[in-house]
Protein backbone atom coordinates (compact mmCIF):
# COMPACT_ATOMS: atom_id res chain seq x y z
CA UNK A 1 0.00 0.00 0.00
CA UNK A 2 1.06 3.55 -0.56
CA UNK A 3 1.24 6.28 2.04
CA UNK A 4 -1.13 8.42 -0.04
CA UNK A 5 -4.42 6.85 1.02
CA UNK A 6 -7.65 8.80 0.93
CA UNK A 7 -8.27 10.82 4.13
CA UNK A 8 -11.45 8.87 5.07
CA UNK A 9 -9.89 5.42 4.62
CA UNK A 10 -9.03 3.60 7.91
CA UNK A 11 -5.32 3.13 8.56
CA UNK A 12 -5.55 -0.12 10.50
CA UNK A 13 -8.03 -2.85 11.49
CA UNK A 14 -8.96 -1.21 14.82
CA UNK A 15 -9.82 2.06 13.11
CA UNK A 16 -11.90 0.14 10.56
CA UNK A 17 -13.85 -1.59 13.38
CA UNK A 18 -14.51 1.72 15.10
CA UNK A 19 -15.65 3.26 11.82
CA UNK A 20 -17.92 0.26 11.19
CA UNK A 21 -19.49 0.52 14.67
CA UNK A 22 -20.13 4.25 14.30
CA UNK A 23 -21.68 3.68 10.88
CA UNK A 24 -23.94 0.96 12.29
CA UNK A 25 -25.12 3.24 15.09
CA UNK A 26 -25.86 6.07 12.66
CA UNK A 27 -27.73 3.69 10.36
CA UNK A 28 -29.76 2.30 13.27
CA UNK A 29 -30.72 5.83 14.35
CA UNK A 30 -31.70 6.76 10.79
CA UNK A 31 -33.82 3.63 10.38
CA UNK A 32 -35.50 4.26 13.73
CA UNK A 33 -36.35 7.83 12.73
CA UNK A 34 -37.72 6.65 9.37
CA UNK A 35 -39.76 3.96 11.09
CA UNK A 36 -41.35 6.55 13.36
CA UNK A 37 -42.18 8.82 10.42
CA UNK A 38 -43.73 5.96 8.47
CA UNK A 39 -45.82 4.73 11.43
CA UNK A 40 -48.98 6.52 10.33
CA UNK A 41 -51.25 4.80 12.84
CA UNK A 42 -49.22 6.01 15.81
CA UNK A 43 -48.86 9.53 14.39
CA UNK A 44 -52.63 9.78 13.80
CA UNK A 45 -53.32 8.45 17.27
CA UNK A 46 -50.99 11.02 18.80
CA UNK A 47 -52.64 13.77 16.77
CA UNK A 48 -56.13 12.68 17.86
CA UNK A 49 -55.02 12.58 21.49
CA UNK A 50 -53.56 16.08 21.21
CA UNK A 51 -56.72 17.49 19.61
CA UNK A 52 -58.95 15.80 22.20
CA UNK A 53 -56.84 17.21 25.03
CA UNK A 54 -57.14 20.71 23.55
CA UNK A 55 -60.89 20.37 23.04
CA UNK A 56 -61.41 18.98 26.53
CA UNK A 57 -59.47 21.86 28.09
CA UNK A 58 -61.43 24.42 26.07
CA UNK A 59 -64.80 22.86 26.89
CA UNK A 60 -63.96 22.45 30.56
CA UNK A 61 -63.36 26.17 30.82
CA UNK A 62 -66.71 27.09 29.23
CA UNK A 63 -69.17 24.53 30.61
CA UNK A 64 -70.44 23.59 34.01
CA UNK A 65 -68.61 20.84 35.86
CA UNK A 66 -71.15 18.06 35.10
CA UNK A 67 -71.22 18.92 31.39
CA UNK A 68 -67.42 19.14 31.27
CA UNK A 69 -67.16 15.74 32.97
CA UNK A 70 -69.59 14.25 30.43
CA UNK A 71 -67.50 15.71 27.61
CA UNK A 72 -64.33 14.19 29.16
CA UNK A 73 -66.01 10.77 29.22
CA UNK A 74 -66.97 11.11 25.56
CA UNK A 75 -63.43 12.18 24.68
CA UNK A 76 -62.05 9.13 26.51
CA UNK A 77 -64.44 6.89 24.56
CA UNK A 78 -63.24 8.41 21.29
CA UNK A 79 -59.62 8.04 22.39
CA UNK A 80 -60.06 4.35 23.25
CA UNK A 81 -61.87 3.47 20.00
CA UNK A 82 -61.61 6.24 17.38
CA UNK A 83 -62.52 4.27 14.25
CA UNK A 84 -66.30 3.97 14.88
CA UNK A 85 -66.44 7.62 15.89
CA UNK A 86 -64.74 8.81 12.72
CA UNK A 87 -66.84 6.45 10.60
CA UNK A 88 -69.97 7.92 12.20
CA UNK A 89 -68.79 11.48 11.59
CA UNK A 90 -67.95 10.64 7.97
CA UNK A 91 -71.41 9.07 7.51
CA UNK A 92 -73.04 12.15 9.01
CA UNK A 93 -71.11 14.45 6.65
CA UNK A 94 -72.14 12.36 3.64
CA UNK A 95 -75.77 12.36 4.79
CA UNK A 96 -75.76 16.14 5.25
CA UNK A 97 -74.28 16.65 1.77
CA UNK A 98 -76.98 14.44 0.23
CA UNK A 99 -79.72 16.35 2.06
CA UNK A 100 -78.29 19.71 0.97
CA UNK A 101 -78.03 18.56 -2.65
CA UNK A 102 -81.67 17.43 -2.70
CA UNK A 103 -82.77 20.68 -1.16
CA UNK A 104 -80.90 22.72 -3.82
CA UNK A 105 -82.36 20.81 -6.78
C-alpha atoms as a PDB file:
ATOM      1  CA  UNK A   1       0.000   0.000   0.000  1.00  0.00           C
ATOM      2  CA  UNK A   2       1.056   3.549  -0.560  1.00  0.00           C
ATOM      3  CA  UNK A   3       1.242   6.275   2.045  1.00  0.00           C
ATOM      4  CA  UNK A   4      -1.133   8.420  -0.036  1.00  0.00           C
ATOM      5  CA  UNK A   5      -4.418   6.848   1.019  1.00  0.00           C
ATOM      6  CA  UNK A   6      -7.652   8.803   0.926  1.00  0.00           C
ATOM      7  CA  UNK A   7      -8.273  10.816   4.133  1.00  0.00           C
ATOM      8  CA  UNK A   8     -11.447   8.868   5.075  1.00  0.00           C
ATOM      9  CA  UNK A   9      -9.891   5.421   4.622  1.00  0.00           C
ATOM     10  CA  UNK A  10      -9.030   3.605   7.905  1.00  0.00           C
ATOM     11  CA  UNK A  11      -5.321   3.133   8.563  1.00  0.00           C
ATOM     12  CA  UNK A  12      -5.552  -0.125  10.497  1.00  0.00           C
ATOM     13  CA  UNK A  13      -8.034  -2.846  11.492  1.00  0.00           C
ATOM     14  CA  UNK A  14      -8.960  -1.211  14.816  1.00  0.00           C
ATOM     15  CA  UNK A  15      -9.820   2.065  13.110  1.00  0.00           C
ATOM     16  CA  UNK A  16     -11.903   0.145  10.561  1.00  0.00           C
ATOM     17  CA  UNK A  17     -13.853  -1.586  13.375  1.00  0.00           C
ATOM     18  CA  UNK A  18     -14.513   1.723  15.104  1.00  0.00           C
ATOM     19  CA  UNK A  19     -15.651   3.256  11.817  1.00  0.00           C
ATOM     20  CA  UNK A  20     -17.922   0.263  11.195  1.00  0.00           C
ATOM     21  CA  UNK A  21     -19.493   0.524  14.671  1.00  0.00           C
ATOM     22  CA  UNK A  22     -20.133   4.253  14.297  1.00  0.00           C
ATOM     23  CA  UNK A  23     -21.679   3.684  10.878  1.00  0.00           C
ATOM     24  CA  UNK A  24     -23.940   0.959  12.290  1.00  0.00           C
ATOM     25  CA  UNK A  25     -25.123   3.241  15.091  1.00  0.00           C
ATOM     26  CA  UNK A  26     -25.859   6.065  12.663  1.00  0.00           C
ATOM     27  CA  UNK A  27     -27.730   3.688  10.362  1.00  0.00           C
ATOM     28  CA  UNK A  28     -29.762   2.300  13.267  1.00  0.00           C
ATOM     29  CA  UNK A  29     -30.722   5.830  14.350  1.00  0.00           C
ATOM     30  CA  UNK A  30     -31.698   6.757  10.793  1.00  0.00           C
ATOM     31  CA  UNK A  31     -33.822   3.629  10.380  1.00  0.00           C
ATOM     32  CA  UNK A  32     -35.503   4.259  13.729  1.00  0.00           C
ATOM     33  CA  UNK A  33     -36.352   7.829  12.728  1.00  0.00           C
ATOM     34  CA  UNK A  34     -37.715   6.646   9.370  1.00  0.00           C
ATOM     35  CA  UNK A  35     -39.759   3.963  11.091  1.00  0.00           C
ATOM     36  CA  UNK A  36     -41.349   6.550  13.360  1.00  0.00           C
ATOM     37  CA  UNK A  37     -42.184   8.819  10.417  1.00  0.00           C
ATOM     38  CA  UNK A  38     -43.730   5.956   8.474  1.00  0.00           C
ATOM     39  CA  UNK A  39     -45.819   4.725  11.430  1.00  0.00           C
ATOM     40  CA  UNK A  40     -48.976   6.523  10.331  1.00  0.00           C
ATOM     41  CA  UNK A  41     -51.252   4.805  12.841  1.00  0.00           C
ATOM     42  CA  UNK A  42     -49.221   6.013  15.810  1.00  0.00           C
ATOM     43  CA  UNK A  43     -48.865   9.526  14.387  1.00  0.00           C
ATOM     44  CA  UNK A  44     -52.626   9.779  13.799  1.00  0.00           C
ATOM     45  CA  UNK A  45     -53.324   8.447  17.271  1.00  0.00           C
ATOM     46  CA  UNK A  46     -50.989  11.021  18.803  1.00  0.00           C
ATOM     47  CA  UNK A  47     -52.639  13.774  16.775  1.00  0.00           C
ATOM     48  CA  UNK A  48     -56.127  12.683  17.861  1.00  0.00           C
ATOM     49  CA  UNK A  49     -55.016  12.581  21.492  1.00  0.00           C
ATOM     50  CA  UNK A  50     -53.558  16.077  21.215  1.00  0.00           C
ATOM     51  CA  UNK A  51     -56.718  17.494  19.614  1.00  0.00           C
ATOM     52  CA  UNK A  52     -58.945  15.802  22.196  1.00  0.00           C
ATOM     53  CA  UNK A  53     -56.843  17.212  25.032  1.00  0.00           C
ATOM     54  CA  UNK A  54     -57.135  20.712  23.550  1.00  0.00           C
ATOM     55  CA  UNK A  55     -60.891  20.369  23.038  1.00  0.00           C
ATOM     56  CA  UNK A  56     -61.408  18.984  26.535  1.00  0.00           C
ATOM     57  CA  UNK A  57     -59.467  21.856  28.091  1.00  0.00           C
ATOM     58  CA  UNK A  58     -61.430  24.422  26.067  1.00  0.00           C
ATOM     59  CA  UNK A  59     -64.802  22.862  26.888  1.00  0.00           C
ATOM     60  CA  UNK A  60     -63.964  22.447  30.564  1.00  0.00           C
ATOM     61  CA  UNK A  61     -63.355  26.168  30.820  1.00  0.00           C
ATOM     62  CA  UNK A  62     -66.707  27.088  29.229  1.00  0.00           C
ATOM     63  CA  UNK A  63     -69.166  24.531  30.605  1.00  0.00           C
ATOM     64  CA  UNK A  64     -70.440  23.589  34.013  1.00  0.00           C
ATOM     65  CA  UNK A  65     -68.610  20.837  35.859  1.00  0.00           C
ATOM     66  CA  UNK A  66     -71.152  18.056  35.103  1.00  0.00           C
ATOM     67  CA  UNK A  67     -71.216  18.922  31.391  1.00  0.00           C
ATOM     68  CA  UNK A  68     -67.420  19.138  31.272  1.00  0.00           C
ATOM     69  CA  UNK A  69     -67.163  15.737  32.966  1.00  0.00           C
ATOM     70  CA  UNK A  70     -69.589  14.251  30.429  1.00  0.00           C
ATOM     71  CA  UNK A  71     -67.496  15.708  27.611  1.00  0.00           C
ATOM     72  CA  UNK A  72     -64.326  14.190  29.163  1.00  0.00           C
ATOM     73  CA  UNK A  73     -66.006  10.768  29.224  1.00  0.00           C
ATOM     74  CA  UNK A  74     -66.974  11.109  25.556  1.00  0.00           C
ATOM     75  CA  UNK A  75     -63.426  12.183  24.681  1.00  0.00           C
ATOM     76  CA  UNK A  76     -62.046   9.134  26.509  1.00  0.00           C
ATOM     77  CA  UNK A  77     -64.443   6.892  24.564  1.00  0.00           C
ATOM     78  CA  UNK A  78     -63.236   8.415  21.288  1.00  0.00           C
ATOM     79  CA  UNK A  79     -59.619   8.036  22.386  1.00  0.00           C
ATOM     80  CA  UNK A  80     -60.057   4.354  23.250  1.00  0.00           C
ATOM     81  CA  UNK A  81     -61.868   3.474  20.003  1.00  0.00           C
ATOM     82  CA  UNK A  82     -61.614   6.240  17.381  1.00  0.00           C
ATOM     83  CA  UNK A  83     -62.515   4.271  14.246  1.00  0.00           C
ATOM     84  CA  UNK A  84     -66.295   3.966  14.883  1.00  0.00           C
ATOM     85  CA  UNK A  85     -66.440   7.615  15.895  1.00  0.00           C
ATOM     86  CA  UNK A  86     -64.739   8.805  12.715  1.00  0.00           C
ATOM     87  CA  UNK A  87     -66.842   6.452  10.604  1.00  0.00           C
ATOM     88  CA  UNK A  88     -69.967   7.925  12.198  1.00  0.00           C
ATOM     89  CA  UNK A  89     -68.787  11.476  11.586  1.00  0.00           C
ATOM     90  CA  UNK A  90     -67.952  10.644   7.966  1.00  0.00           C
ATOM     91  CA  UNK A  91     -71.405   9.072   7.509  1.00  0.00           C
ATOM     92  CA  UNK A  92     -73.039  12.155   9.009  1.00  0.00           C
ATOM     93  CA  UNK A  93     -71.112  14.449   6.652  1.00  0.00           C
ATOM     94  CA  UNK A  94     -72.141  12.362   3.638  1.00  0.00           C
ATOM     95  CA  UNK A  95     -75.769  12.363   4.787  1.00  0.00           C
ATOM     96  CA  UNK A  96     -75.759  16.143   5.248  1.00  0.00           C
ATOM     97  CA  UNK A  97     -74.277  16.653   1.769  1.00  0.00           C
ATOM     98  CA  UNK A  98     -76.981  14.441   0.228  1.00  0.00           C
ATOM     99  CA  UNK A  99     -79.717  16.347   2.059  1.00  0.00           C
ATOM    100  CA  UNK A 100     -78.285  19.709   0.971  1.00  0.00           C
ATOM    101  CA  UNK A 101     -78.031  18.560  -2.655  1.00  0.00           C
ATOM    102  CA  UNK A 102     -81.672  17.433  -2.704  1.00  0.00           C
ATOM    103  CA  UNK A 103     -82.770  20.682  -1.164  1.00  0.00           C
ATOM    104  CA  UNK A 104     -80.898  22.719  -3.824  1.00  0.00           C
ATOM    105  CA  UNK A 105     -82.357  20.808  -6.778  1.00  0.00           C
END
